[in-house]
Protein backbone atom coordinates (compact mmCIF):
# COMPACT_ATOMS: atom_id res chain seq x y z
CA MET A 1 166.00 -4.71 20.88
CA THR A 2 163.21 -2.16 20.67
CA PHE A 3 162.66 1.49 19.79
CA THR A 4 161.72 3.87 22.61
CA GLN A 5 160.78 7.52 22.80
CA ALA A 6 163.88 9.74 22.60
CA THR A 7 164.54 11.77 25.75
CA ARG A 8 167.46 14.08 26.50
CA GLU A 9 169.66 12.57 29.19
CA LYS A 10 172.07 13.87 31.82
CA VAL A 11 175.17 12.78 29.93
CA PRO A 12 178.73 13.30 31.19
CA ILE A 13 180.14 16.56 29.78
CA LYS A 14 182.94 16.12 27.24
CA ILE A 15 184.60 19.31 25.96
CA LEU A 16 187.51 19.78 23.55
CA LEU A 17 189.57 22.99 23.48
CA GLN A 18 191.85 23.44 20.47
CA GLY A 19 194.28 26.28 19.98
CA PRO A 20 197.79 27.43 19.08
CA SER A 21 200.53 28.01 21.63
CA ASN A 22 199.74 30.77 24.15
CA SER A 23 196.07 30.94 23.18
CA GLY A 24 195.04 30.12 26.75
CA LYS A 25 193.90 26.51 26.53
CA THR A 26 194.97 25.50 30.03
CA LEU A 27 193.53 28.57 31.73
CA SER A 28 190.30 28.27 29.73
CA ALA A 29 189.98 24.62 30.79
CA LEU A 30 190.47 25.57 34.45
CA ARG A 31 187.85 28.30 34.18
CA LEU A 32 185.29 26.00 32.60
CA ALA A 33 186.01 23.27 35.15
CA HIS A 34 185.67 25.80 37.98
CA GLY A 35 182.23 26.76 36.68
CA ILE A 36 181.07 23.16 36.26
CA ALA A 37 182.35 22.20 39.72
CA GLU A 38 180.50 25.09 41.45
CA GLY A 39 182.80 24.64 44.43
CA LYS A 40 181.21 21.25 45.17
CA ARG A 41 183.55 18.93 43.30
CA PRO A 42 187.35 18.71 43.00
CA ILE A 43 189.23 19.42 39.78
CA PHE A 44 191.89 16.96 38.61
CA VAL A 45 194.40 17.76 35.86
CA ILE A 46 196.39 15.24 33.81
CA ASP A 47 199.29 17.45 32.66
CA SER A 48 201.57 16.39 29.80
CA GLU A 49 202.57 20.01 29.09
CA ASN A 50 205.72 20.10 31.23
CA ARG A 51 203.87 21.01 34.46
CA ARG A 52 202.14 24.02 32.88
CA ALA A 53 198.94 23.61 34.90
CA SER A 54 200.86 24.06 38.15
CA SER A 55 201.84 27.58 37.08
CA TYR A 56 198.23 28.54 37.87
CA ALA A 57 198.39 27.17 41.43
CA GLU A 58 198.81 30.68 42.90
CA THR A 59 196.03 32.30 40.85
CA GLU A 60 192.32 32.31 41.68
CA PHE A 61 192.45 28.53 41.20
CA GLY A 62 195.04 28.02 43.93
CA GLY A 63 194.09 25.07 46.13
CA HIS A 64 191.20 24.16 43.83
CA PHE A 65 192.82 21.49 41.68
CA GLN A 66 195.09 18.47 41.92
CA VAL A 67 197.57 17.51 39.22
CA LEU A 68 199.08 14.32 37.83
CA ASN A 69 202.15 15.12 35.71
CA LEU A 70 202.75 12.79 32.76
CA THR A 71 206.24 12.40 31.34
CA ASP A 72 207.41 10.67 28.18
CA PRO A 73 206.89 8.20 26.73
CA PHE A 74 203.35 9.49 26.22
CA THR A 75 201.76 6.12 25.52
CA HIS A 76 198.03 5.73 25.15
CA ASP A 77 197.86 3.27 28.05
CA LYS A 78 199.59 5.75 30.37
CA TYR A 79 196.83 8.25 29.64
CA ILE A 80 194.16 5.58 30.12
CA LYS A 81 195.63 4.57 33.47
CA ALA A 82 195.62 8.22 34.63
CA ILE A 83 191.97 8.60 33.61
CA GLN A 84 191.10 5.41 35.50
CA GLU A 85 192.87 6.72 38.62
CA ALA A 86 190.64 9.80 38.53
CA GLU A 87 187.56 7.60 38.13
CA GLN A 88 188.61 5.33 40.99
CA SER A 89 189.29 8.23 43.38
CA GLY A 90 185.64 8.15 44.44
CA LEU A 91 185.57 11.98 44.42
CA ASN A 92 183.70 12.46 41.10
CA PRO A 93 186.16 15.15 39.94
CA ILE A 94 185.99 17.38 36.91
CA LEU A 95 188.91 16.00 34.88
CA ILE A 96 191.12 18.11 32.60
CA VAL A 97 193.44 16.32 30.15
CA ASP A 98 196.06 18.85 29.04
CA SER A 99 196.84 17.87 26.36
CA LEU A 100 195.79 15.07 24.00
CA THR A 101 198.43 16.07 21.45
CA HIS A 102 201.24 14.10 23.11
CA GLU A 103 199.30 10.83 22.85
CA TRP A 104 199.27 11.28 19.08
CA ALA A 105 202.43 13.21 18.15
CA GLY A 106 204.58 13.16 21.29
CA SER A 107 207.51 10.96 22.29
CA GLY A 108 206.16 7.42 22.54
CA GLY A 109 202.83 8.48 21.04
CA MET A 110 200.86 6.89 18.22
CA LEU A 111 202.87 8.34 15.34
CA ALA A 112 206.14 7.27 16.97
CA LYS A 113 204.70 3.79 17.50
CA LYS A 114 203.64 3.65 13.85
CA ASP A 115 207.22 4.50 12.78
CA GLU A 116 208.55 1.68 14.98
CA ILE A 117 206.18 -0.85 13.43
CA ASP A 118 206.93 0.35 9.88
CA ALA A 119 210.67 -0.01 10.53
CA ARG A 120 210.12 -3.74 11.08
CA GLY A 121 208.72 -4.12 7.58
CA GLY A 122 205.36 -5.14 6.24
CA ASN A 123 202.63 -3.08 4.63
CA THR A 124 202.86 0.46 6.01
CA TYR A 125 199.20 1.12 5.19
CA ALA A 126 198.01 -2.06 6.88
CA ASN A 127 200.10 -1.17 9.94
CA TRP A 128 197.66 1.67 10.63
CA ARG A 129 195.05 -0.89 11.64
CA PHE A 130 196.63 -1.73 14.96
CA ILE A 131 197.62 1.87 15.67
CA SER A 132 194.04 2.90 14.98
CA GLY A 133 192.80 0.31 17.45
CA LYS A 134 195.07 1.51 20.23
CA HIS A 135 194.16 5.14 19.58
CA GLN A 136 190.44 4.39 19.57
CA HIS A 137 190.72 2.72 22.96
CA PHE A 138 192.28 5.92 24.27
CA VAL A 139 189.43 7.99 22.81
CA ASP A 140 186.86 5.54 24.21
CA ALA A 141 188.42 5.86 27.68
CA ILE A 142 187.52 9.55 27.54
CA LEU A 143 184.11 9.25 25.89
CA HIS A 144 182.89 6.32 28.02
CA SER A 145 184.17 7.71 31.30
CA PRO A 146 181.45 8.66 33.83
CA LEU A 147 183.45 11.82 34.61
CA ASP A 148 182.97 15.28 33.13
CA ILE A 149 186.15 15.75 31.07
CA ILE A 150 187.71 18.80 29.41
CA CYS A 151 190.52 18.06 26.95
CA THR A 152 192.96 20.39 25.24
CA VAL A 153 194.74 19.91 21.92
CA ARG A 154 197.49 21.96 20.32
CA ALA A 155 196.70 23.46 16.92
CA LYS A 156 198.90 24.70 14.09
CA GLN A 157 198.38 26.70 10.90
CA ASP A 158 196.99 24.51 8.14
CA TYR A 159 197.60 24.96 4.41
CA VAL A 160 196.22 23.68 1.11
CA LEU A 161 197.62 24.05 -2.41
CA ASP A 162 195.67 26.24 -4.83
CA ASP A 163 195.35 25.56 -8.58
CA LYS A 164 198.87 26.97 -9.04
CA ASN A 165 200.33 24.74 -6.31
CA VAL A 166 200.84 27.73 -4.05
CA PRO A 167 200.25 27.08 -0.30
CA VAL A 168 197.22 28.95 1.02
CA LYS A 169 196.35 29.32 4.71
CA VAL A 170 193.01 27.75 5.57
CA GLY A 171 192.94 28.19 9.34
CA LEU A 172 194.06 26.13 12.29
CA ALA A 173 194.26 22.34 12.43
CA PRO A 174 194.51 20.29 15.66
CA ILE A 175 197.64 18.21 16.23
CA GLN A 176 195.73 15.00 16.75
CA ARG A 177 194.03 12.43 14.57
CA GLU A 178 191.63 13.98 12.08
CA GLY A 179 188.00 14.04 13.18
CA LEU A 180 188.64 13.90 16.93
CA GLU A 181 186.65 17.08 17.59
CA TYR A 182 183.43 15.46 16.38
CA GLU A 183 183.53 12.97 19.25
CA PHE A 184 182.90 15.65 21.89
CA LEU A 185 179.75 17.33 23.18
CA ILE A 186 181.27 20.78 22.57
CA SER A 187 184.42 21.72 20.69
CA TRP A 188 185.92 25.21 20.69
CA MET A 189 188.85 26.61 18.73
CA ILE A 190 190.64 29.20 20.86
CA LEU A 191 192.20 31.88 18.68
CA SER A 192 195.43 33.80 19.32
CA ASP A 193 193.50 36.76 20.80
CA HIS A 194 191.87 34.32 23.30
CA SER A 195 188.43 34.60 21.68
CA VAL A 196 186.73 31.34 20.73
CA LYS A 197 184.99 29.86 17.73
CA VAL A 198 182.53 27.01 18.11
CA SER A 199 183.51 23.99 16.02
CA LYS A 200 180.76 21.73 17.33
CA ASP A 201 177.99 22.24 19.88
CA ASN A 202 175.44 19.55 20.69
CA THR A 203 173.92 21.69 23.44
CA GLY A 204 172.66 24.33 21.01
CA ILE A 205 173.39 27.12 23.49
CA PHE A 206 176.50 28.52 21.82
CA ASP A 207 176.83 30.05 18.39
CA GLY A 208 179.60 31.51 16.27
CA THR A 209 182.59 33.37 17.68
CA GLY A 210 182.61 34.96 21.10
CA GLY A 211 184.82 36.25 23.88
CA MET A 212 186.96 34.26 26.29
CA LEU A 213 185.77 31.10 28.01
CA THR A 214 184.80 31.79 31.62
CA GLU A 215 183.42 30.15 34.74
CA GLU A 216 179.96 31.43 33.78
CA ILE A 217 180.07 29.42 30.55
CA GLY A 218 180.93 26.34 32.60
CA LYS A 219 177.86 27.00 34.76
CA LEU A 220 175.68 27.33 31.65
CA ILE A 221 176.85 23.93 30.43
CA LEU A 222 176.15 22.40 33.85
CA GLU A 223 172.64 23.92 33.88
CA TRP A 224 171.98 22.51 30.40
CA ARG A 225 173.04 19.03 31.49
CA ASN A 226 171.10 19.13 34.76
CA SER A 227 167.94 20.32 33.00
CA ALA A 228 167.71 17.02 31.08
CA PRO A 229 164.67 14.99 32.21
CA ALA A 230 166.36 11.58 32.16
CA GLU A 231 169.46 10.01 33.66
CA ALA A 232 172.01 8.63 31.20
CA PRO A 233 172.38 4.84 31.30
CA VAL A 234 175.63 3.34 32.54
CA LEU A 235 177.50 2.09 29.49
CA LYS A 236 178.82 -1.46 29.73
CA ARG A 237 181.27 -2.89 27.23
CA SER A 238 180.75 -6.33 25.75
CA ILE A 239 183.31 -9.07 26.31
CA ASP A 240 184.25 -8.78 22.62
CA GLU A 241 185.08 -5.08 23.07
CA MET A 242 187.16 -5.77 26.18
CA ILE A 243 189.08 -8.57 24.43
CA THR A 244 189.77 -6.30 21.45
CA GLN A 245 191.12 -3.58 23.74
CA LEU A 246 193.37 -5.96 25.68
CA LYS A 247 194.76 -7.46 22.47
CA ALA A 248 195.56 -4.00 21.12
CA GLU A 249 197.30 -2.96 24.33
CA LEU A 250 199.33 -6.12 24.76
CA PHE A 251 200.43 -7.05 21.23
CA GLU A 252 201.91 -5.43 18.14
CA ASN A 253 199.24 -6.72 15.79
CA GLU A 254 196.25 -9.03 15.50
CA ASN A 255 198.26 -12.02 14.20
CA ILE A 256 200.67 -11.97 17.15
CA ALA A 257 197.73 -11.69 19.56
CA ASN A 258 195.92 -14.66 18.00
CA ASP A 259 199.11 -16.76 17.99
CA TRP A 260 199.59 -16.09 21.70
CA ILE A 261 195.99 -17.07 22.42
CA ARG A 262 196.32 -20.35 20.47
CA THR A 263 199.54 -21.35 22.26
CA SER A 264 198.71 -20.08 25.76
CA ILE A 265 195.12 -21.22 26.34
CA GLU A 266 194.07 -24.84 26.59
CA PRO A 267 191.21 -25.91 24.30
CA PRO A 268 188.34 -25.38 24.14
CA ILE A 269 189.15 -21.68 23.72
CA THR A 270 186.17 -19.60 24.83
CA LYS A 271 185.70 -15.84 25.05
CA THR A 272 185.68 -16.06 28.85
CA LYS A 273 188.99 -17.93 28.87
CA VAL A 274 190.53 -15.44 26.45
CA TYR A 275 189.38 -12.46 28.50
CA LYS A 276 190.69 -13.93 31.77
CA ALA A 277 194.06 -14.87 30.22
CA LEU A 278 194.53 -11.45 28.63
CA THR A 279 193.52 -9.71 31.86
CA LEU A 280 196.09 -11.69 33.85
CA LYS A 281 198.75 -10.90 31.26
CA LYS A 282 197.86 -7.20 31.45
CA ILE A 283 198.06 -7.19 35.26
CA ALA A 284 201.44 -8.95 35.16
CA GLU A 285 202.86 -6.48 32.63
CA ASP A 286 201.52 -3.47 34.54
CA SER A 287 203.08 -4.78 37.76
CA SER A 288 206.39 -5.30 35.96
CA ASN A 289 206.34 -1.77 34.55
CA ASP A 290 205.54 -0.25 37.94
CA SER A 291 208.36 -2.07 39.75
């Protein structure tokens, strides 16, 4: 380990678009992706919004994007598998995930899974630990992907109680786990009039509230990334991180996972043995689900 001189790198672009119903999240995502692609790269859409993206197939984007329609249950691993399919296409697409809300609050999503675990008993607060692990693996699949990714999230009116216990509107809140927006390079809130407000911007090229998101804004983001003097390193996960992810995907909680490892792997139990055994179990379960 050593300190080196900081240099801006050509990182994969990760954008989050939040907004209420009919604010234009899907269309805004397509416009940004169109600008980033510059006609040189395909656009892929993971659509959990009841085939909404396909309604734009006969607009100016017709023929310029491919879609994978997700249906319930909206499990985190189904999203991860769709992201991996885009990565493994070999086409280096701009990927749109429309939307992330179903992974959290949809049928089969994280909140539904939490209710299932709570119904079996135990400490309801402690049960969040395993849900949090599964959700973080989903977020990591987006953040660690080599692809440029634009995600959308539904938003709803948020309220707080004043000193008289009267609900007061305080703006829009995303329907996803709190703090998600801070994981992205740029996060915009799209308002009901289709204008946008910057929630977070690591590029430093956007400020305050502006008009609609357009292809030109996508091009500006691409220019900012390409102007970086250094290439971003390829991130590699440690064996500990991969084991943690597999345990979270395959088992209800840490204790069940560790019990399976103790009874299924011959001593001495090493990290390599655990990783191989969990990987084989994952492949077997995926094959069973696909058949």
